[in-house]
């Protein structure tokens, strides 16, 4: 405990970011974290539609799945 799991990555994205400009970063993150079991992308509602729209462009059924509208508690993240 007290350490981030090796396959967990965080990517900051604001509601005003252009999804097409931001797409290479999450695509690279999904490649780095996928060890063969797939990737789960969580996007919050508090950042607007941009994170969810960007994640939707990366989805590949059975390999990269996504959940939108996740409430991410900032108080418990290190």
Protein backbone atom coordinates (compact mmCIF):
# COMPACT_ATOMS: atom_id res chain seq x y z
CA UNK A 1 0.00 0.00 0.00
CA UNK A 2 0.92 3.68 -0.04
CA UNK A 3 2.02 3.29 -3.66
CA UNK A 4 0.15 3.77 -6.91
CA UNK A 5 -0.39 0.45 -8.74
CA UNK A 6 2.03 0.07 -11.65
CA UNK A 7 -0.73 -0.04 -14.25
CA UNK A 8 -2.58 3.06 -13.04
CA UNK A 9 -2.06 6.31 -14.93
CA UNK A 10 -3.63 9.71 -14.52
CA UNK A 11 -4.05 12.19 -17.33
CA UNK A 12 -5.25 15.73 -16.74
CA UNK A 13 -7.60 17.26 -19.28
CA UNK A 14 -9.78 20.36 -19.04
CA UNK A 15 -13.19 20.92 -20.54
CA UNK A 16 -11.85 23.52 -22.96
CA UNK A 17 -9.09 21.24 -24.34
CA UNK A 18 -9.51 20.20 -27.98
CA UNK A 19 -10.06 16.39 -28.00
CA UNK A 20 -8.18 15.99 -31.29
CA UNK A 21 -5.14 17.81 -29.91
CA UNK A 22 -5.25 15.82 -26.69
CA UNK A 23 -5.80 12.38 -28.27
CA UNK A 24 -2.13 11.26 -28.56
CA UNK A 25 -1.56 11.46 -24.78
CA UNK A 26 -4.39 9.12 -23.71
CA UNK A 27 -3.60 6.79 -26.61
CA UNK A 28 -0.02 6.51 -25.36
CA UNK A 29 -1.24 5.92 -21.80
CA UNK A 30 -3.48 3.07 -22.92
CA UNK A 31 -0.58 1.42 -24.75
CA UNK A 32 1.71 1.73 -21.71
CA UNK A 33 -0.81 0.36 -19.20
CA UNK A 34 -2.19 -2.52 -21.29
CA UNK A 35 -0.33 -5.68 -20.31
CA UNK A 36 -2.72 -7.91 -22.23
CA UNK A 37 -5.77 -7.77 -19.97
CA UNK A 38 -7.15 -4.56 -21.44
CA UNK A 39 -7.62 -1.02 -20.22
CA UNK A 40 -10.44 0.70 -18.31
CA UNK A 41 -10.75 4.46 -18.81
CA UNK A 42 -12.66 6.43 -16.15
CA UNK A 43 -13.82 9.97 -16.91
CA UNK A 44 -15.42 12.43 -14.48
CA UNK A 45 -18.45 14.60 -15.09
CA UNK A 46 -16.87 17.60 -13.37
CA UNK A 47 -14.45 18.28 -16.27
CA UNK A 48 -17.10 18.69 -18.94
CA UNK A 49 -17.60 16.53 -22.02
CA UNK A 50 -14.04 16.70 -23.41
CA UNK A 51 -12.53 13.85 -21.35
CA UNK A 52 -15.45 11.51 -22.13
CA UNK A 53 -15.42 12.43 -25.83
CA UNK A 54 -11.68 11.81 -26.01
CA UNK A 55 -12.02 8.47 -24.22
CA UNK A 56 -14.83 7.45 -26.60
CA UNK A 57 -12.43 7.79 -29.53
CA UNK A 58 -10.08 5.24 -27.91
CA UNK A 59 -12.62 2.52 -27.09
CA UNK A 60 -12.06 -0.92 -28.57
CA UNK A 61 -14.59 -3.52 -27.34
CA UNK A 62 -12.83 -6.21 -25.36
CA UNK A 63 -9.57 -4.26 -25.13
CA UNK A 64 -10.25 -0.65 -24.11
CA UNK A 65 -13.50 0.01 -22.21
CA UNK A 66 -14.73 3.23 -20.62
CA UNK A 67 -16.97 4.49 -17.85
CA UNK A 68 -18.15 8.11 -17.98
CA UNK A 69 -19.52 10.12 -15.09
CA UNK A 70 -17.27 8.72 -12.36
CA UNK A 71 -17.01 10.85 -9.24
CA UNK A 72 -13.29 11.07 -8.57
CA UNK A 73 -12.51 12.03 -4.99
CA UNK A 74 -9.52 14.35 -4.93
CA UNK A 75 -9.22 14.24 -1.17
CA UNK A 76 -8.00 10.63 -1.09
CA UNK A 77 -5.56 10.79 -4.02
CA UNK A 78 -1.89 11.23 -3.31
